[in-house]
Amino acid sequence: MIKEGLSVTKYKVDKVIAWIATSNIPSIKSVESLGFIKTIEEEVRSFNQEVEPVKFCKFIKIYGDCQ
């Protein structure tokens, strides 16, 4: 699904950013297989439907590599 979304991006951008929950291993593996690089940036977010805050990590990919 992420790969399909990248293929239809019609705007000129320098890079693509993905914030993914550290507990979401399948999505992390997907973006890594597409060439996204994990940065050192992390963020904790609280959601009403979650008991504990959720930790997210930032992944980036230079747009020229998205093909």
PDB file of N, CA and C in Angstrom:
ATOM      1  N   MET A   1       0.812  -1.181   0.000  1.00  0.00           N
ATOM      2  CA  MET A   1       0.000   0.000   0.000  1.00  0.00           C
ATOM      3  C   MET A   1       0.869   1.265   0.000  1.00  0.00           C
ATOM      4  N   ILE A   2       1.949   1.253   0.753  1.00  0.00           N
ATOM      5  CA  ILE A   2       2.852   2.404   0.781  1.00  0.00           C
ATOM      6  C   ILE A   2       3.489   2.590  -0.590  1.00  0.00           C
ATOM      7  N   LYS A   3       3.913   1.496  -1.211  1.00  0.00           N
ATOM      8  CA  LYS A   3       4.534   1.568  -2.536  1.00  0.00           C
ATOM      9  C   LYS A   3       3.557   2.152  -3.546  1.00  0.00           C
ATOM     10  N   GLU A   4       2.297   1.744  -3.488  1.00  0.00           N
ATOM     11  CA  GLU A   4       1.278   2.265  -4.402  1.00  0.00           C
ATOM     12  C   GLU A   4       1.088   3.764  -4.194  1.00  0.00           C
ATOM     13  N   GLY A   5       1.070   4.190  -2.948  1.00  0.00           N
ATOM     14  CA  GLY A   5       0.925   5.615  -2.658  1.00  0.00           C
ATOM     15  C   GLY A   5       2.079   6.432  -3.207  1.00  0.00           C
ATOM     16  N   LEU A   6       3.285   5.909  -3.119  1.00  0.00           N
ATOM     17  CA  LEU A   6       4.447   6.616  -3.656  1.00  0.00           C
ATOM     18  C   LEU A   6       4.376   6.727  -5.172  1.00  0.00           C
ATOM     19  N   SER A   7       3.804   5.729  -5.834  1.00  0.00           N
ATOM     20  CA  SER A   7       3.760   5.723  -7.297  1.00  0.00           C
ATOM     21  C   SER A   7       2.783   6.748  -7.855  1.00  0.00           C
ATOM     22  N   VAL A   8       1.838   7.218  -7.063  1.00  0.00           N
ATOM     23  CA  VAL A   8       0.858   8.184  -7.568  1.00  0.00           C
ATOM     24  C   VAL A   8       1.092   9.593  -7.028  1.00  0.00           C
ATOM     25  N   THR A   9       2.216   9.816  -6.362  1.00  0.00           N
ATOM     26  CA  THR A   9       2.527  11.153  -5.864  1.00  0.00           C
ATOM     27  C   THR A   9       2.720  12.080  -7.045  1.00  0.00           C
ATOM     28  N   LYS A  10       1.894  13.140  -7.123  1.00  0.00           N
ATOM     29  CA  LYS A  10       1.962  14.032  -8.275  1.00  0.00           C
ATOM     30  C   LYS A  10       2.589  15.381  -7.947  1.00  0.00           C
ATOM     31  N   TYR A  11       3.006  15.575  -6.717  1.00  0.00           N
ATOM     32  CA  TYR A  11       3.586  16.844  -6.310  1.00  0.00           C
ATOM     33  C   TYR A  11       5.105  16.755  -6.286  1.00  0.00           C
ATOM     34  N   LYS A  12       5.757  17.874  -6.574  1.00  0.00           N
ATOM     35  CA  LYS A  12       7.215  17.929  -6.516  1.00  0.00           C
ATOM     36  C   LYS A  12       7.640  18.082  -5.056  1.00  0.00           C
ATOM     37  N   VAL A  13       8.312  17.079  -4.550  1.00  0.00           N
ATOM     38  CA  VAL A  13       8.800  17.121  -3.171  1.00  0.00           C
ATOM     39  C   VAL A  13      10.239  16.632  -3.138  1.00  0.00           C
ATOM     40  N   ASP A  14      10.976  17.053  -2.119  1.00  0.00           N
ATOM     41  CA  ASP A  14      12.366  16.626  -1.970  1.00  0.00           C
ATOM     42  C   ASP A  14      12.485  15.277  -1.281  1.00  0.00           C
ATOM     43  N   LYS A  15      11.588  15.039  -0.326  1.00  0.00           N
ATOM     44  CA  LYS A  15      11.649  13.780   0.410  1.00  0.00           C
ATOM     45  C   LYS A  15      10.261  13.397   0.906  1.00  0.00           C
ATOM     46  N   VAL A  16      10.127  12.132   1.239  1.00  0.00           N
ATOM     47  CA  VAL A  16       8.885  11.599   1.788  1.00  0.00           C
ATOM     48  C   VAL A  16       9.171  11.221   3.236  1.00  0.00           C
ATOM     49  N   ILE A  17       8.261  11.588   4.127  1.00  0.00           N
ATOM     50  CA  ILE A  17       8.420  11.319   5.554  1.00  0.00           C
ATOM     51  C   ILE A  17       7.317  10.382   6.016  1.00  0.00           C
ATOM     52  N   ALA A  18       7.681   9.409   6.825  1.00  0.00           N
ATOM     53  CA  ALA A  18       6.694   8.489   7.403  1.00  0.00           C
ATOM     54  C   ALA A  18       6.950   8.377   8.899  1.00  0.00           C
ATOM     55  N   TRP A  19       5.926   8.675   9.696  1.00  0.00           N
ATOM     56  CA  TRP A  19       5.985   8.457  11.142  1.00  0.00           C
ATOM     57  C   TRP A  19       5.280   7.144  11.407  1.00  0.00           C
ATOM     58  N   ILE A  20       5.978   6.187  11.997  1.00  0.00           N
ATOM     59  CA  ILE A  20       5.416   4.852  12.220  1.00  0.00           C
ATOM     60  C   ILE A  20       5.616   4.461  13.681  1.00  0.00           C
ATOM     61  N   ALA A  21       4.569   3.889  14.263  1.00  0.00           N
ATOM     62  CA  ALA A  21       4.656   3.425  15.647  1.00  0.00           C
ATOM     63  C   ALA A  21       5.738   2.356  15.746  1.00  0.00           C
ATOM     64  N   THR A  22       6.557   2.449  16.773  1.00  0.00           N
ATOM     65  CA  THR A  22       7.645   1.482  16.936  1.00  0.00           C
ATOM     66  C   THR A  22       7.116   0.067  17.145  1.00  0.00           C
ATOM     67  N   SER A  23       5.878  -0.055  17.570  1.00  0.00           N
ATOM     68  CA  SER A  23       5.268  -1.379  17.764  1.00  0.00           C
ATOM     69  C   SER A  23       4.715  -1.967  16.468  1.00  0.00           C
ATOM     70  N   ASN A  24       4.683  -1.177  15.390  1.00  0.00           N
ATOM     71  CA  ASN A  24       4.118  -1.624  14.118  1.00  0.00           C
ATOM     72  C   ASN A  24       5.224  -2.216  13.235  1.00  0.00           C
ATOM     73  N   ILE A  25       5.689  -3.382  13.602  1.00  0.00           N
ATOM     74  CA  ILE A  25       6.815  -4.036  12.920  1.00  0.00           C
ATOM     75  C   ILE A  25       6.539  -4.276  11.431  1.00  0.00           C
ATOM     76  N   PRO A  26       5.350  -4.752  11.018  1.00  0.00           N
ATOM     77  CA  PRO A  26       5.107  -4.959   9.580  1.00  0.00           C
ATOM     78  C   PRO A  26       5.275  -3.680   8.754  1.00  0.00           C
ATOM     79  N   SER A  27       4.791  -2.547   9.253  1.00  0.00           N
ATOM     80  CA  SER A  27       4.942  -1.293   8.508  1.00  0.00           C
ATOM     81  C   SER A  27       6.390  -0.834   8.471  1.00  0.00           C
ATOM     82  N   ILE A  28       7.113  -1.044   9.553  1.00  0.00           N
ATOM     83  CA  ILE A  28       8.533  -0.684   9.572  1.00  0.00           C
ATOM     84  C   ILE A  28       9.291  -1.508   8.538  1.00  0.00           C
ATOM     85  N   LYS A  29       9.018  -2.801   8.478  1.00  0.00           N
ATOM     86  CA  LYS A  29       9.677  -3.653   7.482  1.00  0.00           C
ATOM     87  C   LYS A  29       9.307  -3.228   6.068  1.00  0.00           C
ATOM     88  N   SER A  30       8.060  -2.818   5.861  1.00  0.00           N
ATOM     89  CA  SER A  30       7.618  -2.375   4.531  1.00  0.00           C
ATOM     90  C   SER A  30       8.370  -1.131   4.077  1.00  0.00           C
ATOM     91  N   VAL A  31       8.437  -0.107   4.943  1.00  0.00           N
ATOM     92  CA  VAL A  31       9.110   1.120   4.520  1.00  0.00           C
ATOM     93  C   VAL A  31      10.613   0.911   4.376  1.00  0.00           C
ATOM     94  N   GLU A  32      11.195   0.060   5.210  1.00  0.00           N
ATOM     95  CA  GLU A  32      12.624  -0.228   5.059  1.00  0.00           C
ATOM     96  C   GLU A  32      12.893  -0.939   3.737  1.00  0.00           C
ATOM     97  N   SER A  33      11.993  -1.829   3.327  1.00  0.00           N
ATOM     98  CA  SER A  33      12.181  -2.525   2.048  1.00  0.00           C
ATOM     99  C   SER A  33      12.031  -1.576   0.864  1.00  0.00           C
ATOM    100  N   LEU A  34      11.351  -0.450   1.069  1.00  0.00           N
ATOM    101  CA  LEU A  34      11.192   0.562   0.023  1.00  0.00           C
ATOM    102  C   LEU A  34      12.319   1.593   0.041  1.00  0.00           C
ATOM    103  N   GLY A  35      13.284   1.410   0.937  1.00  0.00           N
ATOM    104  CA  GLY A  35      14.444   2.287   0.974  1.00  0.00           C
ATOM    105  C   GLY A  35      14.355   3.458   1.936  1.00  0.00           C
ATOM    106  N   PHE A  36      13.349   3.479   2.793  1.00  0.00           N
ATOM    107  CA  PHE A  36      13.264   4.530   3.801  1.00  0.00           C
ATOM    108  C   PHE A  36      14.354   4.298   4.847  1.00  0.00           C
ATOM    109  N   ILE A  37      14.872   5.375   5.385  1.00  0.00           N
ATOM    110  CA  ILE A  37      15.917   5.324   6.401  1.00  0.00           C
ATOM    111  C   ILE A  37      15.339   5.841   7.717  1.00  0.00           C
ATOM    112  N   LYS A  38      15.562   5.100   8.794  1.00  0.00           N
ATOM    113  CA  LYS A  38      15.097   5.526  10.116  1.00  0.00           C
ATOM    114  C   LYS A  38      15.997   6.646  10.622  1.00  0.00           C
ATOM    115  N   THR A  39      15.379   7.726  11.082  1.00  0.00           N
ATOM    116  CA  THR A  39      16.134   8.840  11.657  1.00  0.00           C
ATOM    117  C   THR A  39      16.205   8.662  13.176  1.00  0.00           C
ATOM    118  N   ILE A  40      16.881   9.572  13.833  1.00  0.00           N
ATOM    119  CA  ILE A  40      16.961   9.505  15.294  1.00  0.00           C
ATOM    120  C   ILE A  40      15.756  10.165  15.962  1.00  0.00           C
ATOM    121  N   GLU A  41      14.913  10.812  15.160  1.00  0.00           N
ATOM    122  CA  GLU A  41      13.753  11.508  15.728  1.00  0.00           C
ATOM    123  C   GLU A  41      12.696  10.522  16.203  1.00  0.00           C
ATOM    124  N   GLU A  42      12.217  10.742  17.402  1.00  0.00           N
ATOM    125  CA  GLU A  42      11.138   9.936  17.970  1.00  0.00           C
ATOM    126  C   GLU A  42      10.140  10.869  18.630  1.00  0.00           C
ATOM    127  N   GLU A  43       8.922  10.406  18.732  1.00  0.00           N
ATOM    128  CA  GLU A  43       7.846  11.214  19.306  1.00  0.00           C
ATOM    129  C   GLU A  43       6.875  10.291  20.028  1.00  0.00           C
ATOM    130  N   VAL A  44       6.364  10.741  21.146  1.00  0.00           N
ATOM    131  CA  VAL A  44       5.367   9.969  21.890  1.00  0.00           C
ATOM    132  C   VAL A  44       4.031  10.694  21.749  1.00  0.00           C
ATOM    133  N   ARG A  45       3.012   9.955  21.340  1.00  0.00           N
ATOM    134  CA  ARG A  45       1.680  10.538  21.154  1.00  0.00           C
ATOM    135  C   ARG A  45       0.667   9.788  22.008  1.00  0.00           C
ATOM    136  N   SER A  46      -0.312  10.526  22.500  1.00  0.00           N
ATOM    137  CA  SER A  46      -1.390   9.924  23.290  1.00  0.00           C
ATOM    138  C   SER A  46      -2.667   9.893  22.456  1.00  0.00           C
ATOM    139  N   PHE A  47      -3.369   8.771  22.526  1.00  0.00           N
ATOM    140  CA  PHE A  47      -4.628   8.598  21.813  1.00  0.00           C
ATOM    141  C   PHE A  47      -5.687   8.169  22.812  1.00  0.00           C
ATOM    142  N   ASN A  48      -6.900   8.649  22.633  1.00  0.00           N
ATOM    143  CA  ASN A  48      -7.993   8.300  23.547  1.00  0.00           C
ATOM    144  C   ASN A  48      -8.251   6.800  23.591  1.00  0.00           C
ATOM    145  N   GLN A  49      -8.085   6.117  22.466  1.00  0.00           N
ATOM    146  CA  GLN A  49      -8.391   4.686  22.409  1.00  0.00           C
ATOM    147  C   GLN A  49      -7.258   3.806  22.942  1.00  0.00           C
ATOM    148  N   GLU A  50      -6.123   4.397  23.269  1.00  0.00           N
ATOM    149  CA  GLU A  50      -4.986   3.645  23.797  1.00  0.00           C
ATOM    150  C   GLU A  50      -4.801   3.938  25.284  1.00  0.00           C
ATOM    151  N   VAL A  51      -4.449   2.914  26.046  1.00  0.00           N
ATOM    152  CA  VAL A  51      -4.206   3.091  27.483  1.00  0.00           C
ATOM    153  C   VAL A  51      -2.863   3.783  27.713  1.00  0.00           C
ATOM    154  N   GLU A  52      -1.847   3.341  26.995  1.00  0.00           N
ATOM    155  CA  GLU A  52      -0.499   3.891  27.126  1.00  0.00           C
ATOM    156  C   GLU A  52      -0.183   4.787  25.924  1.00  0.00           C
ATOM    157  N   PRO A  53       0.668   5.788  26.100  1.00  0.00           N
ATOM    158  CA  PRO A  53       1.120   6.586  24.957  1.00  0.00           C
ATOM    159  C   PRO A  53       1.845   5.693  23.943  1.00  0.00           C
ATOM    160  N   VAL A  54       1.808   6.098  22.684  1.00  0.00           N
ATOM    161  CA  VAL A  54       2.415   5.321  21.602  1.00  0.00           C
ATOM    162  C   VAL A  54       3.665   6.053  21.115  1.00  0.00           C
ATOM    163  N   LYS A  55       4.769   5.308  21.002  1.00  0.00           N
ATOM    164  CA  LYS A  55       6.040   5.876  20.546  1.00  0.00           C
ATOM    165  C   LYS A  55       6.151   5.702  19.033  1.00  0.00           C
ATOM    166  N   PHE A  56       6.480   6.793  18.326  1.00  0.00           N
ATOM    167  CA  PHE A  56       6.645   6.778  16.882  1.00  0.00           C
ATOM    168  C   PHE A  56       8.086   7.112  16.529  1.00  0.00           C
ATOM    169  N   CYS A  57       8.555   6.574  15.409  1.00  0.00           N
ATOM    170  CA  CYS A  57       9.865   6.942  14.893  1.00  0.00           C
ATOM    171  C   CYS A  57       9.682   7.476  13.472  1.00  0.00           C
ATOM    172  N   LYS A  58      10.593   8.335  13.074  1.00  0.00           N
ATOM    173  CA  LYS A  58      10.509   9.007  11.779  1.00  0.00           C
ATOM    174  C   LYS A  58      11.412   8.310  10.765  1.00  0.00           C
ATOM    175  N   PHE A  59      10.856   8.041   9.586  1.00  0.00           N
ATOM    176  CA  PHE A  59      11.591   7.483   8.463  1.00  0.00           C
ATOM    177  C   PHE A  59      11.541   8.487   7.323  1.00  0.00           C
ATOM    178  N   ILE A  60      12.633   8.604   6.563  1.00  0.00           N
ATOM    179  CA  ILE A  60      12.628   9.487   5.399  1.00  0.00           C
ATOM    180  C   ILE A  60      13.161   8.745   4.177  1.00  0.00           C
ATOM    181  N   LYS A  61      12.747   9.246   3.024  1.00  0.00           N
ATOM    182  CA  LYS A  61      13.236   8.719   1.752  1.00  0.00           C
ATOM    183  C   LYS A  61      13.355   9.894   0.801  1.00  0.00           C
ATOM    184  N   ILE A  62      14.504  10.032   0.172  1.00  0.00           N
ATOM    185  CA  ILE A  62      14.694  11.090  -0.811  1.00  0.00           C
ATOM    186  C   ILE A  62      13.800  10.774  -2.002  1.00  0.00           C
ATOM    187  N   TYR A  63      13.017  11.745  -2.456  1.00  0.00           N
ATOM    188  CA  TYR A  63      12.011  11.495  -3.486  1.00  0.00           C
ATOM    189  C   TYR A  63      12.598  10.873  -4.747  1.00  0.00           C
ATOM    190  N   GLY A  64      13.780  11.260  -5.132  1.00  0.00           N
ATOM    191  CA  GLY A  64      14.392  10.694  -6.335  1.00  0.00           C
ATOM    192  C   GLY A  64      14.579   9.189  -6.253  1.00  0.00           C
ATOM    193  N   ASP A  65      14.570   8.625  -5.040  1.00  0.00           N
ATOM    194  CA  ASP A  65      14.727   7.189  -4.837  1.00  0.00           C
ATOM    195  C   ASP A  65      13.391   6.455  -4.764  1.00  0.00           C
ATOM    196  N   CYS A  66      12.269   7.171  -4.945  1.00  0.00           N
ATOM    197  CA  CYS A  66      10.946   6.571  -4.736  1.00  0.00           C
ATOM    198  C   CYS A  66      10.431   5.794  -5.940  1.00  0.00           C
ATOM    199  N   GLN A  67      11.148   5.763  -7.008  1.00  0.00           N
ATOM    200  CA  GLN A  67      10.655   5.079  -8.217  1.00  0.00           C
ATOM    201  C   GLN A  67      10.762   3.585  -8.078  1.00  0.00           C
TER     202      GLN A  67
END
